[in-house]
N, C-alpha and C. Protein backbone atom coordinates (compact mmCIF):
# COMPACT_ATOMS: atom_id res chain seq x y z
N MET A 1 -46.53 22.12 -8.25
CA MET A 1 -47.32 20.91 -8.20
C MET A 1 -46.46 19.67 -8.49
N ARG A 2 -45.56 19.80 -9.42
CA ARG A 2 -44.70 18.66 -9.78
C ARG A 2 -43.82 18.23 -8.61
N VAL A 3 -43.32 19.18 -7.82
CA VAL A 3 -42.48 18.86 -6.68
C VAL A 3 -43.29 18.04 -5.68
N LEU A 4 -44.52 18.44 -5.45
CA LEU A 4 -45.38 17.72 -4.53
C LEU A 4 -45.65 16.30 -5.03
N GLN A 5 -45.88 16.17 -6.33
CA GLN A 5 -46.09 14.84 -6.90
C GLN A 5 -44.83 13.98 -6.74
N PHE A 6 -43.67 14.60 -6.94
CA PHE A 6 -42.41 13.87 -6.78
C PHE A 6 -42.23 13.39 -5.34
N LEU A 7 -42.49 14.30 -4.37
CA LEU A 7 -42.32 13.95 -2.97
C LEU A 7 -43.30 12.89 -2.51
N LEU A 8 -44.45 12.85 -3.10
CA LEU A 8 -45.46 11.89 -2.69
C LEU A 8 -45.35 10.55 -3.43
N ASN A 9 -44.49 10.50 -4.42
CA ASN A 9 -44.35 9.29 -5.23
C ASN A 9 -43.50 8.27 -4.46
N ALA A 10 -44.12 7.28 -3.85
CA ALA A 10 -43.44 6.30 -3.00
C ALA A 10 -42.43 5.45 -3.76
N PRO A 11 -42.73 4.95 -4.96
CA PRO A 11 -41.73 4.13 -5.67
C PRO A 11 -40.42 4.88 -5.93
N ILE A 12 -40.53 6.14 -6.24
CA ILE A 12 -39.30 6.90 -6.49
C ILE A 12 -38.52 7.08 -5.20
N ARG A 13 -39.20 7.37 -4.08
CA ARG A 13 -38.51 7.51 -2.79
C ARG A 13 -37.84 6.20 -2.39
N ARG A 14 -38.54 5.09 -2.61
CA ARG A 14 -37.96 3.78 -2.31
C ARG A 14 -36.72 3.53 -3.16
N ARG A 15 -36.81 3.91 -4.43
CA ARG A 15 -35.67 3.72 -5.34
C ARG A 15 -34.48 4.58 -4.89
N ILE A 16 -34.75 5.79 -4.45
CA ILE A 16 -33.69 6.67 -3.97
C ILE A 16 -33.04 6.08 -2.72
N ARG A 17 -33.83 5.58 -1.79
CA ARG A 17 -33.27 4.96 -0.58
C ARG A 17 -32.44 3.74 -0.93
N THR A 18 -32.93 2.95 -1.89
CA THR A 18 -32.17 1.77 -2.32
C THR A 18 -30.83 2.18 -2.91
N LEU A 19 -30.85 3.20 -3.76
CA LEU A 19 -29.60 3.67 -4.37
C LEU A 19 -28.65 4.24 -3.33
N GLN A 20 -29.17 4.95 -2.33
CA GLN A 20 -28.33 5.47 -1.26
C GLN A 20 -27.69 4.34 -0.46
N ALA A 21 -28.46 3.29 -0.19
CA ALA A 21 -27.93 2.14 0.55
C ALA A 21 -26.84 1.44 -0.27
N LYS A 22 -27.06 1.30 -1.57
CA LYS A 22 -26.06 0.67 -2.43
C LYS A 22 -24.79 1.51 -2.50
N LEU A 23 -24.96 2.82 -2.57
CA LEU A 23 -23.81 3.71 -2.60
C LEU A 23 -23.00 3.60 -1.31
N GLU A 24 -23.68 3.55 -0.19
CA GLU A 24 -23.00 3.40 1.10
C GLU A 24 -22.27 2.06 1.18
N LEU A 25 -22.90 1.00 0.69
CA LEU A 25 -22.27 -0.32 0.67
C LEU A 25 -21.01 -0.31 -0.20
N LEU A 26 -21.11 0.31 -1.37
CA LEU A 26 -19.95 0.40 -2.26
C LEU A 26 -18.82 1.21 -1.63
N ALA A 27 -19.17 2.30 -0.96
CA ALA A 27 -18.15 3.12 -0.30
C ALA A 27 -17.44 2.30 0.79
N ASN A 28 -18.18 1.51 1.55
CA ASN A 28 -17.58 0.66 2.57
C ASN A 28 -16.68 -0.40 1.95
N ARG A 29 -17.11 -0.98 0.84
CA ARG A 29 -16.30 -2.01 0.17
C ARG A 29 -15.01 -1.41 -0.38
N VAL A 30 -15.08 -0.22 -0.95
CA VAL A 30 -13.88 0.44 -1.47
C VAL A 30 -12.92 0.74 -0.33
N GLU A 31 -13.44 1.23 0.79
CA GLU A 31 -12.59 1.51 1.95
C GLU A 31 -11.90 0.23 2.44
N GLN A 32 -12.65 -0.87 2.51
CA GLN A 32 -12.07 -2.14 2.94
C GLN A 32 -11.00 -2.63 1.96
N LEU A 33 -11.26 -2.48 0.67
CA LEU A 33 -10.26 -2.87 -0.34
C LEU A 33 -9.01 -2.01 -0.23
N GLU A 34 -9.16 -0.72 0.02
CA GLU A 34 -8.00 0.15 0.18
C GLU A 34 -7.17 -0.26 1.39
N LEU A 35 -7.83 -0.60 2.49
CA LEU A 35 -7.12 -1.05 3.69
C LEU A 35 -6.39 -2.36 3.43
N THR A 36 -7.04 -3.28 2.73
CA THR A 36 -6.42 -4.56 2.40
C THR A 36 -5.22 -4.36 1.50
N LEU A 37 -5.37 -3.49 0.51
CA LEU A 37 -4.27 -3.22 -0.41
C LEU A 37 -3.10 -2.57 0.33
N GLU A 38 -3.38 -1.64 1.20
CA GLU A 38 -2.33 -0.98 1.98
C GLU A 38 -1.59 -1.98 2.86
N ALA A 39 -2.34 -2.89 3.47
CA ALA A 39 -1.73 -3.88 4.37
C ALA A 39 -0.89 -4.90 3.61
N SER A 40 -1.25 -5.15 2.34
CA SER A 40 -0.53 -6.16 1.58
C SER A 40 0.66 -5.60 0.82
N GLY A 41 0.82 -4.30 0.82
CA GLY A 41 1.93 -3.69 0.10
C GLY A 41 3.27 -4.00 0.73
N PHE A 42 4.31 -3.97 -0.07
CA PHE A 42 5.66 -4.21 0.44
C PHE A 42 6.39 -2.90 0.49
N PRO A 43 7.10 -2.60 1.51
CA PRO A 43 7.16 -3.37 2.74
C PRO A 43 5.97 -3.04 3.64
N ASP A 44 5.50 -4.05 4.35
CA ASP A 44 4.41 -3.83 5.29
C ASP A 44 4.95 -3.04 6.48
N ILE A 45 4.08 -2.67 7.38
CA ILE A 45 4.46 -1.81 8.50
C ILE A 45 5.55 -2.45 9.36
N GLU A 46 5.40 -3.74 9.63
CA GLU A 46 6.39 -4.45 10.46
C GLU A 46 7.76 -4.48 9.80
N THR A 47 7.78 -4.78 8.51
CA THR A 47 9.05 -4.83 7.78
C THR A 47 9.67 -3.44 7.69
N ARG A 48 8.84 -2.42 7.47
CA ARG A 48 9.35 -1.05 7.40
C ARG A 48 9.99 -0.64 8.74
N GLU A 49 9.37 -1.04 9.85
CA GLU A 49 9.95 -0.74 11.17
C GLU A 49 11.29 -1.45 11.34
N LYS A 50 11.37 -2.71 10.90
CA LYS A 50 12.65 -3.44 10.98
C LYS A 50 13.70 -2.75 10.13
N LEU A 51 13.29 -2.27 8.96
CA LEU A 51 14.24 -1.57 8.09
C LEU A 51 14.75 -0.30 8.76
N TYR A 52 13.87 0.47 9.37
CA TYR A 52 14.31 1.70 10.04
C TYR A 52 15.25 1.38 11.19
N MET A 53 15.00 0.28 11.90
CA MET A 53 15.89 -0.11 13.00
C MET A 53 17.23 -0.63 12.46
N SER A 54 17.25 -1.04 11.20
CA SER A 54 18.47 -1.58 10.60
C SER A 54 19.28 -0.53 9.84
N MET A 55 18.88 0.73 9.92
CA MET A 55 19.59 1.78 9.22
C MET A 55 21.05 1.81 9.65
N GLY A 56 21.94 1.76 8.69
CA GLY A 56 23.37 1.76 8.97
C GLY A 56 23.94 0.39 9.28
N LYS A 57 23.11 -0.64 9.22
CA LYS A 57 23.56 -2.00 9.50
C LYS A 57 23.58 -2.81 8.21
N PRO A 58 24.34 -3.91 8.19
CA PRO A 58 24.39 -4.74 6.98
C PRO A 58 23.08 -5.48 6.72
N LEU A 59 22.71 -5.57 5.45
CA LEU A 59 21.51 -6.27 4.99
C LEU A 59 21.86 -7.12 3.78
N THR A 60 21.04 -8.14 3.58
CA THR A 60 21.11 -8.93 2.35
C THR A 60 19.74 -8.83 1.69
N VAL A 61 19.72 -8.40 0.45
CA VAL A 61 18.47 -8.22 -0.28
C VAL A 61 18.47 -9.15 -1.48
N LEU A 62 17.41 -9.93 -1.61
CA LEU A 62 17.26 -10.81 -2.76
C LEU A 62 16.36 -10.14 -3.79
N VAL A 63 16.87 -10.05 -5.01
CA VAL A 63 16.13 -9.46 -6.13
C VAL A 63 16.15 -10.50 -7.24
N GLY A 64 15.06 -11.24 -7.36
CA GLY A 64 15.04 -12.34 -8.33
C GLY A 64 16.08 -13.37 -7.93
N ASP A 65 17.02 -13.66 -8.84
CA ASP A 65 18.09 -14.61 -8.56
C ASP A 65 19.34 -13.93 -7.99
N SER A 66 19.33 -12.62 -7.92
CA SER A 66 20.49 -11.87 -7.46
C SER A 66 20.45 -11.63 -5.96
N VAL A 67 21.63 -11.65 -5.36
CA VAL A 67 21.78 -11.35 -3.94
C VAL A 67 22.62 -10.09 -3.83
N ILE A 68 22.07 -9.09 -3.15
CA ILE A 68 22.78 -7.82 -2.98
C ILE A 68 23.03 -7.62 -1.49
N GLN A 69 24.31 -7.45 -1.15
CA GLN A 69 24.67 -7.24 0.24
C GLN A 69 25.24 -5.84 0.39
N GLY A 70 24.94 -5.24 1.52
CA GLY A 70 25.47 -3.91 1.78
C GLY A 70 24.90 -3.35 3.07
N THR A 71 25.27 -2.12 3.34
CA THR A 71 24.80 -1.42 4.52
C THR A 71 23.62 -0.55 4.12
N LEU A 72 22.53 -0.66 4.88
CA LEU A 72 21.34 0.12 4.57
C LEU A 72 21.64 1.60 4.73
N PHE A 73 21.50 2.34 3.64
CA PHE A 73 21.83 3.76 3.62
C PHE A 73 20.58 4.62 3.79
N SER A 74 19.51 4.29 3.04
CA SER A 74 18.27 5.06 3.18
C SER A 74 17.08 4.24 2.69
N ILE A 75 15.90 4.65 3.18
CA ILE A 75 14.64 4.02 2.80
C ILE A 75 13.80 5.09 2.13
N LEU A 76 13.55 4.92 0.85
CA LEU A 76 12.74 5.88 0.11
C LEU A 76 11.35 5.28 -0.12
N ASN A 77 10.43 6.07 -0.65
CA ASN A 77 9.07 5.58 -0.89
C ASN A 77 9.03 4.40 -1.85
N GLU A 78 9.87 4.43 -2.86
CA GLU A 78 9.83 3.40 -3.90
C GLU A 78 11.07 2.53 -3.97
N SER A 79 12.05 2.77 -3.09
CA SER A 79 13.30 2.00 -3.18
C SER A 79 14.07 2.02 -1.87
N LEU A 80 15.03 1.09 -1.81
CA LEU A 80 16.02 1.06 -0.73
C LEU A 80 17.36 1.43 -1.32
N GLU A 81 18.19 2.08 -0.52
CA GLU A 81 19.54 2.37 -0.96
C GLU A 81 20.52 1.68 -0.01
N LEU A 82 21.39 0.88 -0.61
CA LEU A 82 22.44 0.19 0.14
C LEU A 82 23.79 0.70 -0.33
N ARG A 83 24.74 0.73 0.60
CA ARG A 83 26.13 1.03 0.22
C ARG A 83 26.84 -0.31 0.22
N ASP A 84 27.31 -0.72 -0.96
CA ASP A 84 27.95 -2.04 -1.06
C ASP A 84 29.38 -2.00 -0.54
N ASP A 85 30.06 -3.14 -0.61
CA ASP A 85 31.42 -3.27 -0.07
C ASP A 85 32.41 -2.33 -0.74
N SER A 86 32.17 -1.99 -2.00
CA SER A 86 33.09 -1.09 -2.71
C SER A 86 32.78 0.38 -2.43
N GLY A 87 31.71 0.65 -1.65
CA GLY A 87 31.36 2.02 -1.30
C GLY A 87 30.36 2.67 -2.23
N GLN A 88 29.95 1.92 -3.24
CA GLN A 88 28.98 2.48 -4.19
C GLN A 88 27.56 2.38 -3.63
N LEU A 89 26.76 3.36 -3.99
CA LEU A 89 25.37 3.39 -3.58
C LEU A 89 24.54 2.59 -4.57
N VAL A 90 23.79 1.62 -4.06
CA VAL A 90 22.97 0.75 -4.91
C VAL A 90 21.50 1.02 -4.57
N MET A 91 20.73 1.42 -5.59
CA MET A 91 19.32 1.69 -5.39
C MET A 91 18.52 0.48 -5.86
N ILE A 92 17.66 -0.05 -4.98
CA ILE A 92 16.89 -1.25 -5.29
C ILE A 92 15.40 -0.90 -5.24
N PRO A 93 14.68 -0.98 -6.36
CA PRO A 93 13.24 -0.69 -6.36
C PRO A 93 12.49 -1.69 -5.49
N LEU A 94 11.60 -1.21 -4.64
CA LEU A 94 10.85 -2.09 -3.73
C LEU A 94 10.07 -3.19 -4.45
N PRO A 95 9.41 -2.91 -5.57
CA PRO A 95 8.65 -3.99 -6.23
C PRO A 95 9.52 -5.16 -6.72
N ARG A 96 10.82 -4.91 -6.90
CA ARG A 96 11.72 -5.97 -7.39
C ARG A 96 12.24 -6.86 -6.27
N ILE A 97 12.10 -6.42 -5.01
CA ILE A 97 12.66 -7.16 -3.88
C ILE A 97 11.79 -8.38 -3.58
N THR A 98 12.44 -9.56 -3.51
CA THR A 98 11.72 -10.79 -3.17
C THR A 98 11.92 -11.20 -1.71
N ALA A 99 13.02 -10.78 -1.09
CA ALA A 99 13.26 -11.10 0.31
C ALA A 99 14.35 -10.19 0.88
N ILE A 100 14.31 -10.02 2.20
CA ILE A 100 15.34 -9.23 2.90
C ILE A 100 15.79 -10.07 4.10
N ARG A 101 17.10 -10.17 4.23
CA ARG A 101 17.68 -10.84 5.40
C ARG A 101 18.32 -9.79 6.27
N PHE A 102 17.88 -9.71 7.50
CA PHE A 102 18.40 -8.72 8.44
C PHE A 102 19.60 -9.27 9.16
C-alpha cells in the first residue's frame, strides 16, 4: 500500500523530476568546465603540435626571468627536455614556462 501511495504522490514525483533536471544541468556544467579547463591548459593542442614538429630543432624557452636555449629533445606530460649547448639535458616543468620561441 505504501508503494502505491508513494507512486500516486504528485509533489514527490515533481520533486524527483526537479532533482533529476538539476542533476542533468550540473553534469552538463561540469562537462563544459572540464572542456574549458582542458582547452586552457598549457601547452594547448596547437602549441603541442608545434612542439612535436620542432623535435630536434633549436628552441628558446622563457621561464620567469630566465631564458633557456637548446635543442628540443623530448616532450613529456609534465615537462620539456632540451639539450643545451654544452650537451646537458635540461628538464623544464610545463607550469613554469611563460613563453616558447620556435
